[in-house]
Amino acid sequence: MRFLRIDEVLAVVPVSKATLYRMINRKEFPPPCRIGASSMWPASDLREWANGVKRKRLFNDAEDFI
């Protein structure tokens, strides 16, 4: 299993660090795992999140045409 550090997550998710943590608090983004003193995200969690965001966008776009 591959884990990503905060800087790697922020390179993929186009938000600030503060916004990312707000999203986590609102349950809009997967929380990190603690590994020692570090917060890390399983790459699989980020893939699932990204797929969910894509599905939501497609559904919302489709509603505009209905």
PDB file of N, CA and C in Angstrom:
ATOM      1  N   MET A   1       0.850  -1.183   0.000  1.00  0.00           N
ATOM      2  CA  MET A   1       0.000   0.000   0.000  1.00  0.00           C
ATOM      3  C   MET A   1       0.894   1.243   0.000  1.00  0.00           C
ATOM      4  N   ARG A   2       0.565   2.181  -0.864  1.00  0.00           N
ATOM      5  CA  ARG A   2       1.335   3.422  -0.971  1.00  0.00           C
ATOM      6  C   ARG A   2       0.645   4.523  -0.175  1.00  0.00           C
ATOM      7  N   PHE A   3       1.434   5.311   0.548  1.00  0.00           N
ATOM      8  CA  PHE A   3       0.927   6.440   1.323  1.00  0.00           C
ATOM      9  C   PHE A   3       1.506   7.737   0.782  1.00  0.00           C
ATOM     10  N   LEU A   4       0.703   8.803   0.839  1.00  0.00           N
ATOM     11  CA  LEU A   4       1.129  10.116   0.356  1.00  0.00           C
ATOM     12  C   LEU A   4       1.237  11.094   1.516  1.00  0.00           C
ATOM     13  N   ARG A   5       2.277  11.912   1.476  1.00  0.00           N
ATOM     14  CA  ARG A   5       2.438  12.986   2.465  1.00  0.00           C
ATOM     15  C   ARG A   5       1.589  14.178   2.040  1.00  0.00           C
ATOM     16  N   ILE A   6       1.416  15.119   2.948  1.00  0.00           N
ATOM     17  CA  ILE A   6       0.568  16.292   2.694  1.00  0.00           C
ATOM     18  C   ILE A   6       0.999  17.038   1.435  1.00  0.00           C
ATOM     19  N   ASP A   7       2.300  17.196   1.231  1.00  0.00           N
ATOM     20  CA  ASP A   7       2.752  17.931   0.044  1.00  0.00           C
ATOM     21  C   ASP A   7       2.392  17.192  -1.243  1.00  0.00           C
ATOM     22  N   GLU A   8       2.397  15.870  -1.202  1.00  0.00           N
ATOM     23  CA  GLU A   8       2.010  15.090  -2.379  1.00  0.00           C
ATOM     24  C   GLU A   8       0.501  15.188  -2.625  1.00  0.00           C
ATOM     25  N   VAL A   9      -0.277  15.195  -1.547  1.00  0.00           N
ATOM     26  CA  VAL A   9      -1.734  15.336  -1.674  1.00  0.00           C
ATOM     27  C   VAL A   9      -2.069  16.700  -2.265  1.00  0.00           C
ATOM     28  N   LEU A  10      -1.414  17.744  -1.756  1.00  0.00           N
ATOM     29  CA  LEU A  10      -1.692  19.102  -2.235  1.00  0.00           C
ATOM     30  C   LEU A  10      -1.256  19.305  -3.686  1.00  0.00           C
ATOM     31  N   ALA A  11      -0.315  18.499  -4.152  1.00  0.00           N
ATOM     32  CA  ALA A  11       0.092  18.577  -5.558  1.00  0.00           C
ATOM     33  C   ALA A  11      -1.003  18.017  -6.472  1.00  0.00           C
ATOM     34  N   VAL A  12      -1.839  17.140  -5.933  1.00  0.00           N
ATOM     35  CA  VAL A  12      -2.902  16.505  -6.712  1.00  0.00           C
ATOM     36  C   VAL A  12      -4.239  17.213  -6.529  1.00  0.00           C
ATOM     37  N   VAL A  13      -4.512  17.644  -5.310  1.00  0.00           N
ATOM     38  CA  VAL A  13      -5.786  18.300  -4.986  1.00  0.00           C
ATOM     39  C   VAL A  13      -5.538  19.806  -4.983  1.00  0.00           C
ATOM     40  N   PRO A  14      -6.152  20.545  -5.892  1.00  0.00           N
ATOM     41  CA  PRO A  14      -5.834  21.974  -6.062  1.00  0.00           C
ATOM     42  C   PRO A  14      -6.486  22.888  -5.023  1.00  0.00           C
ATOM     43  N   VAL A  15      -6.137  22.686  -3.749  1.00  0.00           N
ATOM     44  CA  VAL A  15      -6.632  23.542  -2.669  1.00  0.00           C
ATOM     45  C   VAL A  15      -5.475  23.847  -1.734  1.00  0.00           C
ATOM     46  N   SER A  16      -5.680  24.816  -0.854  1.00  0.00           N
ATOM     47  CA  SER A  16      -4.653  25.127   0.134  1.00  0.00           C
ATOM     48  C   SER A  16      -4.686  24.089   1.251  1.00  0.00           C
ATOM     49  N   LYS A  17      -3.648  24.078   2.060  1.00  0.00           N
ATOM     50  CA  LYS A  17      -3.580  23.156   3.195  1.00  0.00           C
ATOM     51  C   LYS A  17      -4.742  23.407   4.155  1.00  0.00           C
ATOM     52  N   ALA A  18      -5.046  24.675   4.425  1.00  0.00           N
ATOM     53  CA  ALA A  18      -6.149  25.016   5.331  1.00  0.00           C
ATOM     54  C   ALA A  18      -7.484  24.522   4.775  1.00  0.00           C
ATOM     55  N   THR A  19      -7.692  24.699   3.477  1.00  0.00           N
ATOM     56  CA  THR A  19      -8.934  24.242   2.851  1.00  0.00           C
ATOM     57  C   THR A  19      -9.032  22.723   2.902  1.00  0.00           C
ATOM     58  N   LEU A  20      -7.933  22.037   2.688  1.00  0.00           N
ATOM     59  CA  LEU A  20      -7.934  20.581   2.753  1.00  0.00           C
ATOM     60  C   LEU A  20      -8.384  20.116   4.136  1.00  0.00           C
ATOM     61  N   TYR A  21      -7.851  20.720   5.189  1.00  0.00           N
ATOM     62  CA  TYR A  21      -8.239  20.317   6.546  1.00  0.00           C
ATOM     63  C   TYR A  21      -9.684  20.709   6.860  1.00  0.00           C
ATOM     64  N   ARG A  22     -10.179  21.799   6.294  1.00  0.00           N
ATOM     65  CA  ARG A  22     -11.607  22.129   6.448  1.00  0.00           C
ATOM     66  C   ARG A  22     -12.467  21.065   5.771  1.00  0.00           C
ATOM     67  N   MET A  23     -12.038  20.625   4.601  1.00  0.00           N
ATOM     68  CA  MET A  23     -12.769  19.574   3.895  1.00  0.00           C
ATOM     69  C   MET A  23     -12.787  18.283   4.712  1.00  0.00           C
ATOM     70  N   ILE A  24     -11.680  17.976   5.367  1.00  0.00           N
ATOM     71  CA  ILE A  24     -11.619  16.783   6.219  1.00  0.00           C
ATOM     72  C   ILE A  24     -12.595  16.931   7.380  1.00  0.00           C
ATOM     73  N   ASN A  25     -12.610  18.096   8.010  1.00  0.00           N
ATOM     74  CA  ASN A  25     -13.519  18.327   9.141  1.00  0.00           C
ATOM     75  C   ASN A  25     -14.982  18.241   8.729  1.00  0.00           C
ATOM     76  N   ARG A  26     -15.300  18.626   7.482  1.00  0.00           N
ATOM     77  CA  ARG A  26     -16.683  18.560   6.974  1.00  0.00           C
ATOM     78  C   ARG A  26     -16.995  17.201   6.351  1.00  0.00           C
ATOM     79  N   LYS A  27     -16.051  16.263   6.463  1.00  0.00           N
ATOM     80  CA  LYS A  27     -16.221  14.904   5.911  1.00  0.00           C
ATOM     81  C   LYS A  27     -16.332  14.910   4.386  1.00  0.00           C
ATOM     82  N   GLU A  28     -15.692  15.893   3.749  1.00  0.00           N
ATOM     83  CA  GLU A  28     -15.691  15.990   2.289  1.00  0.00           C
ATOM     84  C   GLU A  28     -14.420  15.406   1.677  1.00  0.00           C
ATOM     85  N   PHE A  29     -13.469  15.023   2.525  1.00  0.00           N
ATOM     86  CA  PHE A  29     -12.193  14.484   2.068  1.00  0.00           C
ATOM     87  C   PHE A  29     -11.757  13.438   3.083  1.00  0.00           C
ATOM     88  N   PRO A  30     -11.120  12.355   2.632  1.00  0.00           N
ATOM     89  CA  PRO A  30     -10.721  11.306   3.574  1.00  0.00           C
ATOM     90  C   PRO A  30      -9.696  11.809   4.592  1.00  0.00           C
ATOM     91  N   PRO A  31      -9.849  11.406   5.846  1.00  0.00           N
ATOM     92  CA  PRO A  31      -8.888  11.822   6.866  1.00  0.00           C
ATOM     93  C   PRO A  31      -7.560  11.086   6.695  1.00  0.00           C
ATOM     94  N   PRO A  32      -6.486  11.678   7.189  1.00  0.00           N
ATOM     95  CA  PRO A  32      -5.185  11.018   7.094  1.00  0.00           C
ATOM     96  C   PRO A  32      -5.051   9.919   8.139  1.00  0.00           C
ATOM     97  N   CYS A  33      -4.093   9.041   7.907  1.00  0.00           N
ATOM     98  CA  CYS A  33      -3.685   8.043   8.890  1.00  0.00           C
ATOM     99  C   CYS A  33      -2.456   8.605   9.592  1.00  0.00           C
ATOM    100  N   ARG A  34      -2.346   8.334  10.857  1.00  0.00           N
ATOM    101  CA  ARG A  34      -1.147   8.756  11.581  1.00  0.00           C
ATOM    102  C   ARG A  34      -0.131   7.625  11.497  1.00  0.00           C
ATOM    103  N   ILE A  35       1.036   7.946  10.996  1.00  0.00           N
ATOM    104  CA  ILE A  35       2.141   6.997  10.940  1.00  0.00           C
ATOM    105  C   ILE A  35       3.296   7.674  11.660  1.00  0.00           C
ATOM    106  N   GLY A  36       3.508   7.269  12.894  1.00  0.00           N
ATOM    107  CA  GLY A  36       4.471   7.963  13.740  1.00  0.00           C
ATOM    108  C   GLY A  36       3.963   9.367  13.985  1.00  0.00           C
ATOM    109  N   ALA A  37       4.780  10.355  13.700  1.00  0.00           N
ATOM    110  CA  ALA A  37       4.388  11.754  13.877  1.00  0.00           C
ATOM    111  C   ALA A  37       3.818  12.353  12.592  1.00  0.00           C
ATOM    112  N   SER A  38       3.724  11.549  11.546  1.00  0.00           N
ATOM    113  CA  SER A  38       3.292  12.055  10.240  1.00  0.00           C
ATOM    114  C   SER A  38       1.833  11.731   9.946  1.00  0.00           C
ATOM    115  N   SER A  39       1.192  12.630   9.223  1.00  0.00           N
ATOM    116  CA  SER A  39      -0.143  12.384   8.676  1.00  0.00           C
ATOM    117  C   SER A  39       0.046  11.962   7.229  1.00  0.00           C
ATOM    118  N   MET A  40      -0.508  10.798   6.894  1.00  0.00           N
ATOM    119  CA  MET A  40      -0.349  10.282   5.540  1.00  0.00           C
ATOM    120  C   MET A  40      -1.672   9.724   5.055  1.00  0.00           C
ATOM    121  N   TRP A  41      -1.876   9.806   3.749  1.00  0.00           N
ATOM    122  CA  TRP A  41      -3.108   9.332   3.127  1.00  0.00           C
ATOM    123  C   TRP A  41      -2.806   8.109   2.279  1.00  0.00           C
ATOM    124  N   PRO A  42      -3.592   7.041   2.443  1.00  0.00           N
ATOM    125  CA  PRO A  42      -3.450   5.910   1.521  1.00  0.00           C
ATOM    126  C   PRO A  42      -3.844   6.358   0.107  1.00  0.00           C
ATOM    127  N   ALA A  43      -3.041   6.009  -0.862  1.00  0.00           N
ATOM    128  CA  ALA A  43      -3.327   6.390  -2.250  1.00  0.00           C
ATOM    129  C   ALA A  43      -4.690   5.860  -2.683  1.00  0.00           C
ATOM    130  N   SER A  44      -5.073   4.702  -2.175  1.00  0.00           N
ATOM    131  CA  SER A  44      -6.375   4.125  -2.547  1.00  0.00           C
ATOM    132  C   SER A  44      -7.530   5.002  -2.064  1.00  0.00           C
ATOM    133  N   ASP A  45      -7.391   5.638  -0.890  1.00  0.00           N
ATOM    134  CA  ASP A  45      -8.429   6.554  -0.396  1.00  0.00           C
ATOM    135  C   ASP A  45      -8.582   7.750  -1.324  1.00  0.00           C
ATOM    136  N   LEU A  46      -7.459   8.270  -1.817  1.00  0.00           N
ATOM    137  CA  LEU A  46      -7.517   9.424  -2.720  1.00  0.00           C
ATOM    138  C   LEU A  46      -8.140   9.043  -4.062  1.00  0.00           C
ATOM    139  N   ARG A  47      -7.840   7.843  -4.548  1.00  0.00           N
ATOM    140  CA  ARG A  47      -8.458   7.380  -5.802  1.00  0.00           C
ATOM    141  C   ARG A  47      -9.970   7.265  -5.640  1.00  0.00           C
ATOM    142  N   GLU A  48     -10.414   6.683  -4.528  1.00  0.00           N
ATOM    143  CA  GLU A  48     -11.855   6.561  -4.277  1.00  0.00           C
ATOM    144  C   GLU A  48     -12.510   7.934  -4.199  1.00  0.00           C
ATOM    145  N   TRP A  49     -11.874   8.869  -3.503  1.00  0.00           N
ATOM    146  CA  TRP A  49     -12.412  10.224  -3.375  1.00  0.00           C
ATOM    147  C   TRP A  49     -12.518  10.873  -4.755  1.00  0.00           C
ATOM    148  N   ALA A  50     -11.447  10.772  -5.546  1.00  0.00           N
ATOM    149  CA  ALA A  50     -11.435  11.391  -6.878  1.00  0.00           C
ATOM    150  C   ALA A  50     -12.518  10.785  -7.766  1.00  0.00           C
ATOM    151  N   ASN A  51     -12.705   9.488  -7.704  1.00  0.00           N
ATOM    152  CA  ASN A  51     -13.755   8.846  -8.503  1.00  0.00           C
ATOM    153  C   ASN A  51     -15.130   9.328  -8.074  1.00  0.00           C
ATOM    154  N   GLY A  52     -15.336   9.524  -6.784  1.00  0.00           N
ATOM    155  CA  GLY A  52     -16.608  10.043  -6.284  1.00  0.00           C
ATOM    156  C   GLY A  52     -16.865  11.460  -6.760  1.00  0.00           C
ATOM    157  N   VAL A  53     -15.836  12.287  -6.772  1.00  0.00           N
ATOM    158  CA  VAL A  53     -15.965  13.669  -7.240  1.00  0.00           C
ATOM    159  C   VAL A  53     -16.316  13.675  -8.725  1.00  0.00           C
ATOM    160  N   LYS A  54     -15.665  12.821  -9.496  1.00  0.00           N
ATOM    161  CA  LYS A  54     -15.946  12.749 -10.938  1.00  0.00           C
ATOM    162  C   LYS A  54     -17.388  12.322 -11.184  1.00  0.00           C
ATOM    163  N   ARG A  55     -17.853  11.300 -10.443  1.00  0.00           N
ATOM    164  CA  ARG A  55     -19.232  10.839 -10.608  1.00  0.00           C
ATOM    165  C   ARG A  55     -20.217  11.943 -10.261  1.00  0.00           C
ATOM    166  N   LYS A  56     -19.942  12.663  -9.190  1.00  0.00           N
ATOM    167  CA  LYS A  56     -20.833  13.745  -8.761  1.00  0.00           C
ATOM    168  C   LYS A  56     -20.901  14.831  -9.834  1.00  0.00           C
ATOM    169  N   ARG A  57     -19.757  15.192 -10.410  1.00  0.00           N
ATOM    170  CA  ARG A  57     -19.736  16.209 -11.470  1.00  0.00           C
ATOM    171  C   ARG A  57     -20.514  15.744 -12.692  1.00  0.00           C
ATOM    172  N   LEU A  58     -20.315  14.495 -13.081  1.00  0.00           N
ATOM    173  CA  LEU A  58     -21.035  13.974 -14.247  1.00  0.00           C
ATOM    174  C   LEU A  58     -22.535  13.993 -14.005  1.00  0.00           C
ATOM    175  N   PHE A  59     -22.965  13.610 -12.808  1.00  0.00           N
ATOM    176  CA  PHE A  59     -24.387  13.598 -12.481  1.00  0.00           C
ATOM    177  C   PHE A  59     -24.940  15.020 -12.510  1.00  0.00           C
ATOM    178  N   ASN A  60     -24.216  15.959 -11.906  1.00  0.00           N
ATOM    179  CA  ASN A  60     -24.672  17.351 -11.893  1.00  0.00           C
ATOM    180  C   ASN A  60     -24.728  17.929 -13.301  1.00  0.00           C
ATOM    181  N   ASP A  61     -23.738  17.612 -14.128  1.00  0.00           N
ATOM    182  CA  ASP A  61     -23.742  18.088 -15.517  1.00  0.00           C
ATOM    183  C   ASP A  61     -24.918  17.495 -16.284  1.00  0.00           C
ATOM    184  N   ALA A  62     -25.218  16.229 -16.046  1.00  0.00           N
ATOM    185  CA  ALA A  62     -26.331  15.577 -16.735  1.00  0.00           C
ATOM    186  C   ALA A  62     -27.657  16.214 -16.342  1.00  0.00           C
ATOM    187  N   GLU A  63     -27.807  16.609 -15.084  1.00  0.00           N
ATOM    188  CA  GLU A  63     -29.046  17.249 -14.634  1.00  0.00           C
ATOM    189  C   GLU A  63     -29.308  18.554 -15.375  1.00  0.00           C
ATOM    190  N   ASP A  64     -28.245  19.252 -15.779  1.00  0.00           N
ATOM    191  CA  ASP A  64     -28.404  20.510 -16.508  1.00  0.00           C
ATOM    192  C   ASP A  64     -29.081  20.304 -17.864  1.00  0.00           C
ATOM    193  N   PHE A  65     -28.947  19.112 -18.436  1.00  0.00           N
ATOM    194  CA  PHE A  65     -29.513  18.834 -19.750  1.00  0.00           C
ATOM    195  C   PHE A  65     -30.908  18.217 -19.683  1.00  0.00           C
ATOM    196  N   ILE A  66     -31.307  17.819 -18.495  1.00  0.00           N
ATOM    197  CA  ILE A  66     -32.618  17.150 -18.346  1.00  0.00           C
ATOM    198  C   ILE A  66     -33.696  18.176 -18.085  1.00  0.00           C
TER     199      ILE A  66
END
